[in-house]
Every structure is written in C-alpha cells, then in structure tokens.
Protein backbone atom coordinates (compact mmCIF):
# COMPACT_ATOMS: atom_id res chain seq x y z
CA MET A 1 -0.22 -0.05 0.08
CA THR A 2 1.23 3.58 -0.92
CA ALA A 3 1.60 6.64 1.45
CA THR A 4 -0.45 9.21 0.30
CA PRO A 5 1.08 12.83 0.01
CA PRO A 6 -0.39 15.43 2.67
CA VAL A 7 -3.06 17.65 1.33
CA GLN A 8 -1.30 21.12 0.87
CA ALA A 9 -3.27 24.67 1.56
CA PRO A 10 -3.17 26.58 -1.92
CA ALA A 11 -1.16 29.59 -2.28
CA PRO A 12 -2.84 32.69 -1.71
CA GLY A 13 -4.84 34.26 -4.32
CA SER A 14 -4.51 29.67 -5.72
CA ALA A 15 -7.33 27.86 -6.55
CA ALA A 16 -8.15 25.08 -4.19
CA PRO A 17 -6.67 21.61 -4.74
CA ALA A 18 -9.90 19.37 -5.68
CA PRO A 19 -10.85 17.17 -3.65
CA PRO A 20 -10.41 12.90 -4.45
CA PRO A 21 -12.94 11.02 -5.73
CA ALA A 22 -15.18 9.07 -4.37
CA GLY A 23 -13.57 5.94 -2.71
CA ALA A 24 -10.16 6.90 -3.59
CA PRO A 25 -7.23 7.79 -0.34
CA GLY A 26 -8.58 10.44 1.11
CA ALA A 27 -11.76 11.17 0.23
CA HIS A 28 -14.43 10.98 3.24
CA ALA A 29 -18.63 10.19 2.46
CA PRO A 30 -20.71 12.85 3.95
CA ASP A 31 -22.17 11.73 6.83
CA LEU A 32 -26.12 11.34 5.87
CA ARG A 33 -27.79 10.25 9.61
CA TYR A 34 -30.32 12.74 10.39
CA HIS A 35 -29.23 15.17 13.56
CA GLU A 36 -31.24 15.73 16.47
CA THR A 37 -32.17 19.36 15.32
CA GLU A 38 -33.65 17.65 11.77
CA GLU A 39 -34.59 14.39 14.59
CA GLU A 40 -36.70 17.53 16.56
CA LEU A 41 -37.70 19.06 13.48
CA ARG A 42 -39.61 15.46 12.13
CA ALA A 43 -40.71 15.17 15.62
CA VAL A 44 -42.94 18.10 15.26
CA VAL A 45 -44.11 17.54 12.51
CA ARG A 46 -44.99 14.17 12.91
CA GLN A 47 -47.27 15.43 15.83
CA LEU A 48 -48.77 18.12 13.48
CA PHE A 49 -49.82 15.62 10.94
CA ASP A 50 -51.19 13.49 13.70
CA ASP A 51 -52.97 15.99 14.84
CA ARG A 52 -54.46 17.10 12.20
CA CYS A 53 -54.11 14.87 9.14
CA ALA A 54 -56.78 11.70 10.11
CA TRP A 55 -56.56 9.20 7.26
CA PRO A 56 -60.73 9.07 6.94
CA GLU A 57 -60.66 12.97 6.33
CA VAL A 58 -57.56 12.98 4.10
CA LEU A 59 -59.03 10.34 1.71
CA ALA A 60 -62.43 12.22 2.14
CA ARG A 61 -60.07 15.24 0.74
CA LEU A 62 -59.05 13.30 -1.50
CA GLU A 63 -61.99 11.75 -3.49
CA ALA A 64 -64.05 15.23 -2.75
CA GLY A 65 -61.23 16.29 -5.58
CA GLU A 66 -59.98 19.20 -2.85
CA PRO A 67 -56.73 16.92 -2.33
CA THR A 68 -54.76 20.45 -0.54
CA ASP A 69 -55.23 20.72 2.73
CA THR A 70 -55.22 25.11 3.19
CA ALA A 71 -55.10 25.45 6.65
CA LEU A 72 -52.54 22.45 6.98
CA TRP A 73 -50.44 24.39 5.48
CA HIS A 74 -51.13 27.62 7.16
CA ALA A 75 -50.54 25.91 10.65
CA LEU A 76 -46.54 24.68 9.09
CA ALA A 77 -46.38 28.36 8.18
CA ALA A 78 -48.25 30.37 11.04
CA GLU A 79 -47.69 28.35 13.82
CA LEU A 80 -44.43 26.57 13.10
CA GLY A 81 -42.94 29.44 11.61
CA TRP A 82 -42.07 28.07 8.49
CA ALA A 83 -42.76 30.90 6.01
CA CYS A 84 -40.79 32.07 3.67
CA SER A 85 -40.49 34.87 0.96
CA SER A 86 -41.26 33.30 -2.32
CA PRO A 87 -44.04 34.77 -3.92
CA LYS A 88 -45.48 31.21 -4.48
CA ALA A 89 -45.82 31.39 -0.93
CA THR A 90 -49.20 33.04 -0.95
CA ALA A 91 -50.69 30.28 -3.14
CA ALA A 92 -52.28 26.73 -2.34
CA PRO A 93 -49.41 23.72 -2.96
CA ALA A 94 -50.00 20.97 -6.31
CA PRO A 95 -52.28 18.49 -4.81
CA VAL A 96 -51.11 14.61 -4.69
CA THR A 97 -51.79 12.73 -7.14
CA GLY A 98 -49.34 9.45 -6.96
CA ARG A 99 -49.81 6.87 -3.67
CA ARG A 100 -47.03 7.02 -1.36
CA ARG A 101 -44.59 4.05 -1.41
C-alpha cells in the first residue's frame, strides 16, 4: 500500500485543490444521518400531522377533489414559523396525485 501525500493548503491567490474522487484514499463520505435538530423537526411535523391529518379526513378530501389542506399549510407556515419570502408562498401547493410507496 502506498502512502498518500499530505494535502497542502493552496498558495494565496490560487484555486483550492479539487477533493479526491469518492473511494480514493483521503475521500470522506458525507454523514447522511439525521442530527438532533433534524430529529426534533421531524418529531414536531409528525405530531402536527398526527393531530390534523387523520387518514379518513385525508381520503375524504381526495375523493371530494380537494386534496390540498390549506389549513394545514397555514399551520406549517404560521404556527411552526415556516413562512418563506417566495411570491409563490401564498399560493396553495400542488395537490398530491400519487400514492405513497
């Protein structure tokens, strides 16, 4: 096994060296696990959905041709503070047309 040369900092004014390709010595895989903050966020959203998205109600909305729950989207934006500054933020999101896998 050959030793990999140490990575040197680029000289001032020069471009940074490209990272090694995946699988090459010295390459690091990204950490794709959820962290504490992300787990807390998932728990809050899961609780909101558990409280406001009973399966029979969701199915009834879909069958009635009204798949978008604007009150739920309002709760995500106003109550949880997920408002965004996009001009499209005030429009209702597109309805879900497929089944979950």
